[in-house]
Amino acid sequence: MDPKEIVRRGYDALSVRYDEAYGGESKYRAWIDRLTQRLDQGSRVLDIGCGSGIPLARELAAAGHSVTGVDISEVQIRRARELVPQATFIQADAASLDFPFESFDAVVSFYALIHLPQDEQQEVLANVARWLRPGGWFVCTTGQDEWTGVDGDWLESGVSMWWSHADAETNRAWIVRSGLTVEEQEFVPEGSSGHTLFWARRPG
């Protein structure tokens, strides 16, 4: 099966369970606070892999920002529209997105790029650099260690999920090659490994 179809079906099946397992109400709290401090009032924010819209889109919209969320899962988008009616949500493959240059003051992607084939991850990063206004922020999580594979019993549900991780330094190189400047990089532990959080900015 197409890896992205595995991802779509997985999140369609486990949208609510995923939020419960990863603390949907409270996850990303520190990251959201840091981003909010760096945004001007009424900023335009794109959330790639927005899930159910909780908490990122909800918190940013409540703070007065204009939020557009994108997710491949029909169920995630349906829930996001119900839970965060003040934001805009689009069901789409992140690799197929097309926005005008300099459309956003910030682009966020938490635990979503790793669900794309690595060549498409690089394409999305190049697009993000074009969509950001000069000085705009890109905040994302990527893989920490190189790994690609399927978990056939994701969240102990019997549902499959697929990921593809490059290592942290490869991800950093891709971000820089896209035209962004990495301002911060930190390891985010999870289980026996973890992910990498990047804060990058378009020069200008």
N, C-alpha and C. Protein backbone atom coordinates (compact mmCIF):
# COMPACT_ATOMS: atom_id res chain seq x y z
N MET A 1 0.85 -1.20 0.00
CA MET A 1 0.00 0.00 0.00
C MET A 1 0.88 1.25 0.00
N ASP A 2 0.42 2.29 -0.67
CA ASP A 2 1.09 3.58 -0.66
C ASP A 2 1.29 4.03 0.78
N PRO A 3 2.51 4.40 1.16
CA PRO A 3 2.74 4.82 2.55
C PRO A 3 1.80 5.93 3.02
N LYS A 4 1.51 6.88 2.15
CA LYS A 4 0.63 7.98 2.56
C LYS A 4 -0.81 7.51 2.76
N GLU A 5 -1.19 6.45 2.07
CA GLU A 5 -2.51 5.88 2.31
C GLU A 5 -2.55 5.20 3.68
N ILE A 6 -1.45 4.57 4.08
CA ILE A 6 -1.37 4.01 5.43
C ILE A 6 -1.54 5.12 6.47
N VAL A 7 -0.87 6.25 6.24
CA VAL A 7 -0.96 7.38 7.16
C VAL A 7 -2.39 7.91 7.22
N ARG A 8 -2.99 8.12 6.05
CA ARG A 8 -4.35 8.66 6.03
C ARG A 8 -5.32 7.75 6.76
N ARG A 9 -5.26 6.46 6.45
CA ARG A 9 -6.18 5.51 7.08
C ARG A 9 -5.93 5.42 8.58
N GLY A 10 -4.65 5.49 8.96
CA GLY A 10 -4.33 5.40 10.38
C GLY A 10 -4.92 6.53 11.19
N TYR A 11 -4.78 7.75 10.70
CA TYR A 11 -5.34 8.89 11.42
C TYR A 11 -6.85 8.97 11.31
N ASP A 12 -7.41 8.51 10.19
CA ASP A 12 -8.87 8.41 10.11
C ASP A 12 -9.40 7.49 11.21
N ALA A 13 -8.71 6.38 11.41
CA ALA A 13 -9.18 5.39 12.37
C ALA A 13 -8.94 5.80 13.82
N LEU A 14 -7.84 6.53 14.06
CA LEU A 14 -7.40 6.75 15.44
C LEU A 14 -7.29 8.22 15.82
N SER A 15 -8.05 9.08 15.19
CA SER A 15 -7.97 10.50 15.48
C SER A 15 -8.18 10.79 16.96
N VAL A 16 -9.26 10.30 17.52
CA VAL A 16 -9.57 10.56 18.94
C VAL A 16 -8.56 9.86 19.83
N ARG A 17 -8.25 8.62 19.52
CA ARG A 17 -7.32 7.85 20.34
C ARG A 17 -5.93 8.51 20.36
N TYR A 18 -5.51 9.06 19.24
CA TYR A 18 -4.22 9.74 19.17
C TYR A 18 -4.19 10.93 20.13
N ASP A 19 -5.25 11.74 20.11
CA ASP A 19 -5.31 12.89 21.02
C ASP A 19 -5.27 12.44 22.47
N GLU A 20 -5.96 11.38 22.77
CA GLU A 20 -5.97 10.88 24.14
C GLU A 20 -4.60 10.37 24.55
N ALA A 21 -3.95 9.65 23.64
CA ALA A 21 -2.65 9.04 23.96
C ALA A 21 -1.56 10.07 24.15
N TYR A 22 -1.63 11.18 23.40
CA TYR A 22 -0.56 12.17 23.44
C TYR A 22 -0.96 13.47 24.14
N GLY A 23 -2.04 13.44 24.90
CA GLY A 23 -2.42 14.61 25.68
C GLY A 23 -2.80 15.78 24.81
N GLY A 24 -3.82 15.59 23.98
CA GLY A 24 -4.20 16.59 23.00
C GLY A 24 -4.44 17.97 23.56
N GLU A 25 -4.96 18.07 24.77
CA GLU A 25 -5.27 19.37 25.36
C GLU A 25 -4.02 20.13 25.79
N SER A 26 -2.96 19.41 26.16
CA SER A 26 -1.82 20.07 26.78
C SER A 26 -0.51 19.96 25.99
N LYS A 27 -0.47 19.11 24.97
CA LYS A 27 0.79 18.92 24.25
C LYS A 27 1.22 20.21 23.56
N TYR A 28 2.51 20.35 23.37
CA TYR A 28 3.12 21.50 22.70
C TYR A 28 2.98 22.81 23.47
N ARG A 29 2.56 22.76 24.73
CA ARG A 29 2.27 24.00 25.46
C ARG A 29 3.44 24.98 25.42
N ALA A 30 4.64 24.49 25.78
CA ALA A 30 5.79 25.41 25.82
C ALA A 30 6.12 25.93 24.43
N TRP A 31 5.97 25.08 23.42
CA TRP A 31 6.28 25.51 22.05
C TRP A 31 5.29 26.56 21.57
N ILE A 32 4.01 26.36 21.89
CA ILE A 32 2.99 27.34 21.50
C ILE A 32 3.25 28.68 22.17
N ASP A 33 3.60 28.65 23.45
CA ASP A 33 3.88 29.89 24.16
C ASP A 33 5.06 30.63 23.54
N ARG A 34 6.11 29.88 23.20
CA ARG A 34 7.29 30.51 22.58
C ARG A 34 6.95 31.11 21.23
N LEU A 35 6.13 30.39 20.45
CA LEU A 35 5.76 30.91 19.14
C LEU A 35 4.90 32.16 19.28
N THR A 36 3.94 32.13 20.18
CA THR A 36 3.04 33.27 20.36
C THR A 36 3.83 34.52 20.73
N GLN A 37 4.86 34.37 21.54
CA GLN A 37 5.69 35.51 21.94
C GLN A 37 6.42 36.11 20.75
N ARG A 38 6.63 35.33 19.70
CA ARG A 38 7.40 35.79 18.55
C ARG A 38 6.53 36.29 17.40
N LEU A 39 5.22 36.19 17.57
CA LEU A 39 4.31 36.60 16.50
C LEU A 39 3.71 37.97 16.78
N ASP A 40 3.57 38.78 15.74
CA ASP A 40 2.82 40.02 15.85
C ASP A 40 1.33 39.71 15.91
N GLN A 41 0.57 40.62 16.46
CA GLN A 41 -0.88 40.44 16.53
C GLN A 41 -1.46 40.25 15.12
N GLY A 42 -2.36 39.28 15.00
CA GLY A 42 -3.02 39.04 13.72
C GLY A 42 -2.14 38.39 12.68
N SER A 43 -1.16 37.62 13.11
CA SER A 43 -0.27 36.95 12.16
C SER A 43 -1.00 35.84 11.41
N ARG A 44 -0.49 35.53 10.23
CA ARG A 44 -1.02 34.45 9.39
C ARG A 44 -0.14 33.21 9.61
N VAL A 45 -0.77 32.13 10.04
CA VAL A 45 -0.02 30.93 10.41
C VAL A 45 -0.56 29.72 9.65
N LEU A 46 0.35 28.93 9.10
CA LEU A 46 0.01 27.68 8.43
C LEU A 46 0.45 26.52 9.32
N ASP A 47 -0.46 25.61 9.58
CA ASP A 47 -0.16 24.41 10.39
C ASP A 47 -0.25 23.20 9.47
N ILE A 48 0.92 22.64 9.12
CA ILE A 48 0.99 21.47 8.24
C ILE A 48 0.93 20.21 9.10
N GLY A 49 -0.10 19.41 8.88
CA GLY A 49 -0.34 18.25 9.74
C GLY A 49 -1.06 18.67 11.00
N CYS A 50 -2.15 19.41 10.82
CA CYS A 50 -2.83 20.08 11.94
C CYS A 50 -3.59 19.12 12.84
N GLY A 51 -3.83 17.89 12.38
CA GLY A 51 -4.61 16.95 13.20
C GLY A 51 -6.00 17.50 13.49
N SER A 52 -6.43 17.34 14.73
CA SER A 52 -7.78 17.77 15.13
C SER A 52 -7.85 19.25 15.46
N GLY A 53 -6.72 19.96 15.29
CA GLY A 53 -6.70 21.39 15.60
C GLY A 53 -6.45 21.71 17.05
N ILE A 54 -6.35 20.68 17.88
CA ILE A 54 -6.14 20.84 19.32
C ILE A 54 -4.73 20.39 19.67
N PRO A 55 -3.96 21.22 20.35
CA PRO A 55 -4.31 22.57 20.83
C PRO A 55 -3.78 23.70 19.94
N LEU A 56 -2.91 23.42 18.97
CA LEU A 56 -2.18 24.48 18.29
C LEU A 56 -3.09 25.48 17.58
N ALA A 57 -3.91 25.00 16.65
CA ALA A 57 -4.77 25.92 15.90
C ALA A 57 -5.72 26.64 16.84
N ARG A 58 -6.25 25.92 17.81
CA ARG A 58 -7.19 26.55 18.75
C ARG A 58 -6.53 27.67 19.53
N GLU A 59 -5.33 27.42 20.06
CA GLU A 59 -4.66 28.43 20.88
C GLU A 59 -4.23 29.64 20.05
N LEU A 60 -3.73 29.40 18.85
CA LEU A 60 -3.30 30.51 18.01
C LEU A 60 -4.49 31.33 17.54
N ALA A 61 -5.59 30.66 17.18
CA ALA A 61 -6.79 31.39 16.76
C ALA A 61 -7.35 32.21 17.91
N ALA A 62 -7.34 31.63 19.12
CA ALA A 62 -7.85 32.35 20.29
C ALA A 62 -7.00 33.57 20.60
N ALA A 63 -5.72 33.52 20.22
CA ALA A 63 -4.83 34.66 20.45
C ALA A 63 -4.96 35.72 19.36
N GLY A 64 -5.86 35.50 18.40
CA GLY A 64 -6.13 36.50 17.39
C GLY A 64 -5.40 36.32 16.07
N HIS A 65 -4.77 35.16 15.89
CA HIS A 65 -4.05 34.92 14.65
C HIS A 65 -4.96 34.24 13.61
N SER A 66 -4.62 34.40 12.35
CA SER A 66 -5.35 33.78 11.26
C SER A 66 -4.69 32.45 10.93
N VAL A 67 -5.36 31.35 11.22
CA VAL A 67 -4.75 30.03 11.13
C VAL A 67 -5.37 29.22 10.00
N THR A 68 -4.50 28.63 9.19
CA THR A 68 -4.90 27.66 8.17
C THR A 68 -4.26 26.33 8.51
N GLY A 69 -5.07 25.31 8.70
CA GLY A 69 -4.56 23.98 9.01
C GLY A 69 -4.77 23.03 7.86
N VAL A 70 -3.80 22.15 7.64
CA VAL A 70 -3.86 21.18 6.55
C VAL A 70 -3.56 19.80 7.12
N ASP A 71 -4.34 18.81 6.71
CA ASP A 71 -4.08 17.44 7.13
C ASP A 71 -4.60 16.49 6.06
N ILE A 72 -3.93 15.34 5.93
CA ILE A 72 -4.32 14.36 4.92
C ILE A 72 -5.56 13.57 5.33
N SER A 73 -5.88 13.56 6.62
CA SER A 73 -6.96 12.75 7.16
C SER A 73 -8.30 13.48 7.13
N GLU A 74 -9.28 12.88 6.50
CA GLU A 74 -10.62 13.46 6.45
C GLU A 74 -11.21 13.58 7.85
N VAL A 75 -11.00 12.58 8.68
CA VAL A 75 -11.55 12.59 10.04
C VAL A 75 -10.90 13.70 10.87
N GLN A 76 -9.59 13.83 10.76
CA GLN A 76 -8.91 14.89 11.51
C GLN A 76 -9.44 16.26 11.10
N ILE A 77 -9.61 16.48 9.81
CA ILE A 77 -10.10 17.78 9.34
C ILE A 77 -11.54 18.01 9.79
N ARG A 78 -12.37 16.99 9.72
CA ARG A 78 -13.76 17.15 10.18
C ARG A 78 -13.81 17.54 11.65
N ARG A 79 -13.00 16.87 12.47
CA ARG A 79 -12.97 17.19 13.89
C ARG A 79 -12.40 18.59 14.12
N ALA A 80 -11.37 18.95 13.36
CA ALA A 80 -10.78 20.28 13.52
C ALA A 80 -11.80 21.38 13.21
N ARG A 81 -12.59 21.20 12.17
CA ARG A 81 -13.60 22.21 11.84
C ARG A 81 -14.64 22.34 12.92
N GLU A 82 -14.94 21.23 13.59
CA GLU A 82 -15.91 21.27 14.70
C GLU A 82 -15.31 21.89 15.95
N LEU A 83 -14.05 21.55 16.23
CA LEU A 83 -13.41 21.97 17.48
C LEU A 83 -12.86 23.38 17.41
N VAL A 84 -12.46 23.83 16.21
CA VAL A 84 -11.86 25.16 16.07
C VAL A 84 -12.52 25.88 14.90
N PRO A 85 -13.78 26.29 15.04
CA PRO A 85 -14.50 26.88 13.92
C PRO A 85 -13.94 28.22 13.45
N GLN A 86 -13.11 28.86 14.26
CA GLN A 86 -12.57 30.17 13.88
C GLN A 86 -11.33 30.07 13.01
N ALA A 87 -10.86 28.85 12.72
CA ALA A 87 -9.72 28.65 11.82
C ALA A 87 -10.21 28.03 10.51
N THR A 88 -9.33 27.99 9.52
CA THR A 88 -9.62 27.40 8.22
C THR A 88 -8.87 26.09 8.09
N PHE A 89 -9.56 25.03 7.66
CA PHE A 89 -8.93 23.72 7.55
C PHE A 89 -9.14 23.13 6.15
N ILE A 90 -8.07 22.51 5.65
CA ILE A 90 -8.06 21.96 4.30
C ILE A 90 -7.59 20.52 4.37
N GLN A 91 -8.35 19.60 3.78
CA GLN A 91 -7.87 18.23 3.66
C GLN A 91 -7.01 18.13 2.42
N ALA A 92 -5.74 17.81 2.60
CA ALA A 92 -4.82 17.73 1.46
C ALA A 92 -3.54 17.03 1.88
N ASP A 93 -2.86 16.49 0.89
CA ASP A 93 -1.51 15.96 1.04
C ASP A 93 -0.56 17.16 1.13
N ALA A 94 0.27 17.20 2.14
CA ALA A 94 1.17 18.35 2.33
C ALA A 94 2.05 18.58 1.11
N ALA A 95 2.41 17.51 0.41
CA ALA A 95 3.28 17.64 -0.75
C ALA A 95 2.57 18.27 -1.94
N SER A 96 1.25 18.37 -1.89
CA SER A 96 0.49 18.95 -3.01
C SER A 96 0.07 20.39 -2.75
N LEU A 97 0.44 20.96 -1.62
CA LEU A 97 0.00 22.30 -1.27
C LEU A 97 0.60 23.35 -2.20
N ASP A 98 -0.17 24.41 -2.44
CA ASP A 98 0.29 25.49 -3.29
C ASP A 98 -0.29 26.79 -2.75
N PHE A 99 0.58 27.63 -2.19
CA PHE A 99 0.17 28.94 -1.69
C PHE A 99 1.03 30.01 -2.37
N PRO A 100 0.52 31.24 -2.46
CA PRO A 100 1.33 32.32 -3.03
C PRO A 100 2.59 32.58 -2.19
N PHE A 101 3.59 33.14 -2.81
CA PHE A 101 4.81 33.51 -2.10
C PHE A 101 4.47 34.46 -0.95
N GLU A 102 5.17 34.29 0.17
CA GLU A 102 5.08 35.18 1.32
C GLU A 102 3.65 35.29 1.85
N SER A 103 2.97 34.14 1.92
CA SER A 103 1.59 34.11 2.40
C SER A 103 1.48 34.09 3.91
N PHE A 104 2.55 33.66 4.62
CA PHE A 104 2.42 33.39 6.05
C PHE A 104 3.54 34.04 6.85
N ASP A 105 3.18 34.42 8.07
CA ASP A 105 4.14 34.94 9.03
C ASP A 105 4.83 33.81 9.79
N ALA A 106 4.20 32.66 9.82
CA ALA A 106 4.80 31.49 10.47
C ALA A 106 4.21 30.23 9.85
N VAL A 107 5.03 29.19 9.79
CA VAL A 107 4.58 27.86 9.38
C VAL A 107 5.02 26.89 10.47
N VAL A 108 4.09 26.03 10.88
CA VAL A 108 4.35 25.06 11.95
C VAL A 108 4.06 23.67 11.41
N SER A 109 4.89 22.70 11.79
CA SER A 109 4.64 21.30 11.40
C SER A 109 5.19 20.39 12.48
N PHE A 110 4.31 19.91 13.35
CA PHE A 110 4.71 19.03 14.44
C PHE A 110 4.35 17.58 14.11
N TYR A 111 5.36 16.72 14.06
CA TYR A 111 5.19 15.27 13.87
C TYR A 111 4.40 14.95 12.60
N ALA A 112 4.65 15.72 11.55
CA ALA A 112 3.94 15.51 10.28
C ALA A 112 4.87 15.25 9.11
N LEU A 113 5.98 15.99 9.02
CA LEU A 113 6.92 15.77 7.92
C LEU A 113 7.39 14.33 7.88
N ILE A 114 7.51 13.71 9.05
CA ILE A 114 8.00 12.33 9.13
C ILE A 114 7.03 11.31 8.56
N HIS A 115 5.84 11.75 8.16
CA HIS A 115 4.89 10.87 7.49
C HIS A 115 4.97 10.98 5.97
N LEU A 116 5.95 11.73 5.47
CA LEU A 116 6.14 11.88 4.03
C LEU A 116 7.41 11.15 3.60
N PRO A 117 7.46 10.64 2.36
CA PRO A 117 8.73 10.15 1.83
C PRO A 117 9.77 11.26 1.89
N GLN A 118 11.03 10.90 2.05
CA GLN A 118 12.05 11.91 2.31
C GLN A 118 12.27 12.88 1.16
N ASP A 119 12.08 12.45 -0.08
CA ASP A 119 12.20 13.40 -1.18
C ASP A 119 11.10 14.45 -1.10
N GLU A 120 9.91 14.04 -0.66
CA GLU A 120 8.81 15.00 -0.52
C GLU A 120 9.00 15.89 0.70
N GLN A 121 9.63 15.40 1.74
CA GLN A 121 9.96 16.26 2.87
C GLN A 121 10.80 17.44 2.40
N GLN A 122 11.77 17.17 1.55
CA GLN A 122 12.63 18.23 1.04
C GLN A 122 11.85 19.22 0.18
N GLU A 123 10.92 18.72 -0.61
CA GLU A 123 10.09 19.60 -1.44
C GLU A 123 9.22 20.50 -0.57
N VAL A 124 8.65 19.94 0.48
CA VAL A 124 7.82 20.75 1.38
C VAL A 124 8.65 21.83 2.05
N LEU A 125 9.85 21.50 2.49
CA LEU A 125 10.72 22.50 3.11
C LEU A 125 11.03 23.64 2.15
N ALA A 126 11.29 23.32 0.89
CA ALA A 126 11.54 24.37 -0.10
C ALA A 126 10.31 25.25 -0.29
N ASN A 127 9.14 24.64 -0.28
CA ASN A 127 7.90 25.41 -0.40
C ASN A 127 7.69 26.31 0.81
N VAL A 128 7.94 25.77 2.01
CA VAL A 128 7.78 26.56 3.23
C VAL A 128 8.60 27.85 3.15
N ALA A 129 9.84 27.74 2.68
CA ALA A 129 10.70 28.92 2.57
C ALA A 129 10.09 29.97 1.64
N ARG A 130 9.41 29.53 0.61
CA ARG A 130 8.77 30.47 -0.32
C ARG A 130 7.51 31.07 0.27
N TRP A 131 6.78 30.26 1.06
CA TRP A 131 5.52 30.75 1.61
C TRP A 131 5.70 31.72 2.77
N LEU A 132 6.85 31.69 3.42
CA LEU A 132 7.10 32.58 4.54
C LEU A 132 7.45 33.98 4.07
N ARG A 133 6.95 34.97 4.78
CA ARG A 133 7.40 36.34 4.54
C ARG A 133 8.81 36.49 5.11
N PRO A 134 9.57 37.47 4.65
CA PRO A 134 10.89 37.70 5.24
C PRO A 134 10.78 37.92 6.75
N GLY A 135 11.59 37.23 7.49
CA GLY A 135 11.54 37.29 8.95
C GLY A 135 10.59 36.30 9.57
N GLY A 136 9.82 35.59 8.75
CA GLY A 136 8.84 34.65 9.27
C GLY A 136 9.49 33.40 9.87
N TRP A 137 8.77 32.77 10.79
CA TRP A 137 9.26 31.61 11.53
C TRP A 137 8.76 30.30 10.96
N PHE A 138 9.62 29.30 10.96
CA PHE A 138 9.24 27.91 10.68
C PHE A 138 9.63 27.08 11.89
N VAL A 139 8.64 26.41 12.48
CA VAL A 139 8.86 25.56 13.66
C VAL A 139 8.41 24.15 13.29
N CYS A 140 9.31 23.18 13.45
CA CYS A 140 8.94 21.83 13.04
C CYS A 140 9.67 20.79 13.88
N THR A 141 9.09 19.61 13.92
CA THR A 141 9.77 18.45 14.46
C THR A 141 10.12 17.52 13.31
N THR A 142 11.29 16.91 13.43
CA THR A 142 11.76 15.95 12.43
C THR A 142 12.28 14.71 13.16
N GLY A 143 12.79 13.78 12.40
CA GLY A 143 13.45 12.65 13.02
C GLY A 143 14.75 13.04 13.68
N GLN A 144 15.17 12.27 14.66
CA GLN A 144 16.47 12.43 15.29
C GLN A 144 17.47 11.42 14.71
N ASP A 145 17.00 10.21 14.49
CA ASP A 145 17.83 9.14 13.92
C ASP A 145 17.17 8.63 12.64
N GLU A 146 17.99 8.16 11.72
CA GLU A 146 17.47 7.67 10.44
C GLU A 146 16.69 6.37 10.65
N TRP A 147 15.46 6.35 10.14
CA TRP A 147 14.63 5.14 10.26
C TRP A 147 13.40 5.30 9.38
N THR A 148 13.04 4.24 8.68
CA THR A 148 11.80 4.20 7.91
C THR A 148 11.13 2.86 8.18
N GLY A 149 9.82 2.88 8.45
CA GLY A 149 9.15 1.62 8.71
C GLY A 149 7.70 1.77 9.08
N VAL A 150 7.08 0.63 9.37
CA VAL A 150 5.66 0.55 9.69
C VAL A 150 5.49 -0.08 11.06
N ASP A 151 4.59 0.46 11.85
CA ASP A 151 4.12 -0.17 13.08
C ASP A 151 2.74 -0.73 12.77
N GLY A 152 2.62 -2.06 12.78
CA GLY A 152 1.34 -2.68 12.44
C GLY A 152 0.33 -2.70 13.56
N ASP A 153 0.75 -2.24 14.74
CA ASP A 153 -0.15 -2.21 15.89
C ASP A 153 0.00 -0.87 16.61
N TRP A 154 -0.16 0.20 15.85
CA TRP A 154 0.05 1.55 16.38
C TRP A 154 -0.94 1.84 17.51
N LEU A 155 -0.42 2.35 18.60
CA LEU A 155 -1.21 2.67 19.79
C LEU A 155 -1.99 1.44 20.28
N GLU A 156 -1.42 0.26 20.03
CA GLU A 156 -2.03 -1.01 20.46
C GLU A 156 -3.46 -1.14 19.97
N SER A 157 -3.66 -0.75 18.70
CA SER A 157 -5.00 -0.69 18.13
C SER A 157 -5.23 -1.70 17.01
N GLY A 158 -4.15 -2.33 16.52
CA GLY A 158 -4.28 -3.16 15.34
C GLY A 158 -4.25 -2.38 14.04
N VAL A 159 -4.11 -1.05 14.14
CA VAL A 159 -4.06 -0.16 12.98
C VAL A 159 -2.58 0.13 12.65
N SER A 160 -2.27 0.18 11.36
CA SER A 160 -0.89 0.44 10.94
C SER A 160 -0.60 1.93 10.80
N MET A 161 0.69 2.27 11.00
CA MET A 161 1.15 3.63 10.75
C MET A 161 2.55 3.56 10.17
N TRP A 162 2.87 4.54 9.31
CA TRP A 162 4.15 4.57 8.58
C TRP A 162 4.88 5.88 8.83
N TRP A 163 6.23 5.78 8.97
CA TRP A 163 7.07 6.96 9.15
C TRP A 163 8.34 6.82 8.31
N SER A 164 8.96 7.97 8.03
CA SER A 164 10.28 7.96 7.41
C SER A 164 11.11 9.10 7.99
N HIS A 165 12.14 8.75 8.76
CA HIS A 165 12.98 9.74 9.44
C HIS A 165 14.35 9.81 8.78
N ALA A 166 14.81 11.01 8.49
CA ALA A 166 16.23 11.24 8.27
C ALA A 166 16.84 11.59 9.63
N ASP A 167 18.16 11.56 9.74
CA ASP A 167 18.78 11.95 11.00
C ASP A 167 18.76 13.46 11.16
N ALA A 168 19.04 13.93 12.37
CA ALA A 168 18.88 15.34 12.71
C ALA A 168 19.74 16.25 11.84
N GLU A 169 20.99 15.87 11.61
CA GLU A 169 21.87 16.75 10.85
C GLU A 169 21.47 16.80 9.38
N THR A 170 20.93 15.72 8.86
CA THR A 170 20.41 15.75 7.48
C THR A 170 19.21 16.68 7.40
N ASN A 171 18.33 16.60 8.38
CA ASN A 171 17.18 17.50 8.40
C ASN A 171 17.62 18.96 8.48
N ARG A 172 18.61 19.22 9.32
CA ARG A 172 19.12 20.59 9.43
C ARG A 172 19.66 21.06 8.09
N ALA A 173 20.40 20.21 7.41
CA ALA A 173 20.96 20.57 6.10
C ALA A 173 19.86 20.86 5.10
N TRP A 174 18.79 20.06 5.12
CA TRP A 174 17.67 20.31 4.21
C TRP A 174 17.02 21.65 4.49
N ILE A 175 16.84 21.99 5.77
CA ILE A 175 16.22 23.26 6.13
C ILE A 175 17.08 24.43 5.65
N VAL A 176 18.37 24.34 5.88
CA VAL A 176 19.28 25.40 5.45
C VAL A 176 19.30 25.50 3.92
N ARG A 177 19.32 24.37 3.25
CA ARG A 177 19.33 24.38 1.79
C ARG A 177 18.06 25.00 1.21
N SER A 178 16.97 24.92 1.95
CA SER A 178 15.73 25.53 1.46
C SER A 178 15.77 27.06 1.48
N GLY A 179 16.75 27.61 2.21
CA GLY A 179 16.88 29.06 2.28
C GLY A 179 16.56 29.64 3.63
N LEU A 180 16.33 28.79 4.63
CA LEU A 180 16.02 29.25 5.98
C LEU A 180 17.26 29.19 6.86
N THR A 181 17.25 29.98 7.90
CA THR A 181 18.34 30.00 8.88
C THR A 181 17.88 29.31 10.16
N VAL A 182 18.58 28.29 10.59
CA VAL A 182 18.23 27.59 11.83
C VAL A 182 18.68 28.42 13.01
N GLU A 183 17.72 28.82 13.85
CA GLU A 183 18.01 29.61 15.03
C GLU A 183 18.20 28.75 16.28
N GLU A 184 17.43 27.66 16.37
CA GLU A 184 17.50 26.78 17.54
C GLU A 184 17.28 25.34 17.09
N GLN A 185 17.93 24.42 17.78
CA GLN A 185 17.76 22.99 17.52
C GLN A 185 17.83 22.27 18.86
N GLU A 186 16.85 21.43 19.15
CA GLU A 186 16.88 20.70 20.41
C GLU A 186 16.31 19.30 20.25
N PHE A 187 16.83 18.39 21.05
CA PHE A 187 16.37 17.01 21.05
C PHE A 187 15.13 16.90 21.92
N VAL A 188 14.11 16.21 21.40
CA VAL A 188 12.87 15.98 22.14
C VAL A 188 12.75 14.48 22.39
N PRO A 189 13.03 14.01 23.60
CA PRO A 189 13.04 12.57 23.85
C PRO A 189 11.66 11.95 23.76
N GLU A 190 11.62 10.71 23.28
CA GLU A 190 10.39 9.92 23.27
C GLU A 190 10.79 8.45 23.28
N GLY A 191 10.43 7.74 24.32
CA GLY A 191 10.81 6.34 24.44
C GLY A 191 12.32 6.20 24.46
N SER A 192 12.84 5.28 23.67
CA SER A 192 14.28 5.04 23.63
C SER A 192 15.01 5.96 22.66
N SER A 193 14.28 6.79 21.93
CA SER A 193 14.91 7.72 20.99
C SER A 193 14.22 9.07 21.12
N GLY A 194 13.76 9.63 20.02
CA GLY A 194 13.08 10.92 20.08
C GLY A 194 13.06 11.61 18.74
N HIS A 195 12.82 12.91 18.77
CA HIS A 195 12.72 13.74 17.58
C HIS A 195 13.58 14.98 17.76
N THR A 196 13.66 15.78 16.73
CA THR A 196 14.39 17.04 16.80
C THR A 196 13.43 18.18 16.53
N LEU A 197 13.50 19.21 17.36
CA LEU A 197 12.71 20.42 17.19
C LEU A 197 13.60 21.50 16.61
N PHE A 198 13.16 22.08 15.50
CA PHE A 198 13.89 23.16 14.85
C PHE A 198 13.06 24.45 14.89
N TRP A 199 13.75 25.54 15.19
CA TRP A 199 13.19 26.88 15.00
C TRP A 199 14.05 27.53 13.92
N ALA A 200 13.44 27.81 12.78
CA ALA A 200 14.17 28.40 11.66
C ALA A 200 13.45 29.67 11.21
N ARG A 201 14.17 30.49 10.47
CA ARG A 201 13.60 31.78 10.06
C ARG A 201 14.03 32.11 8.64
N ARG A 202 13.10 32.71 7.91
CA ARG A 202 13.47 33.22 6.59
C ARG A 202 14.21 34.52 6.75
N PRO A 203 15.40 34.66 6.20
CA PRO A 203 16.14 35.91 6.33
C PRO A 203 15.36 37.08 5.71
N GLY A 204 15.62 38.27 6.27
CA GLY A 204 14.99 39.43 5.70
C GLY A 204 14.55 40.43 6.74
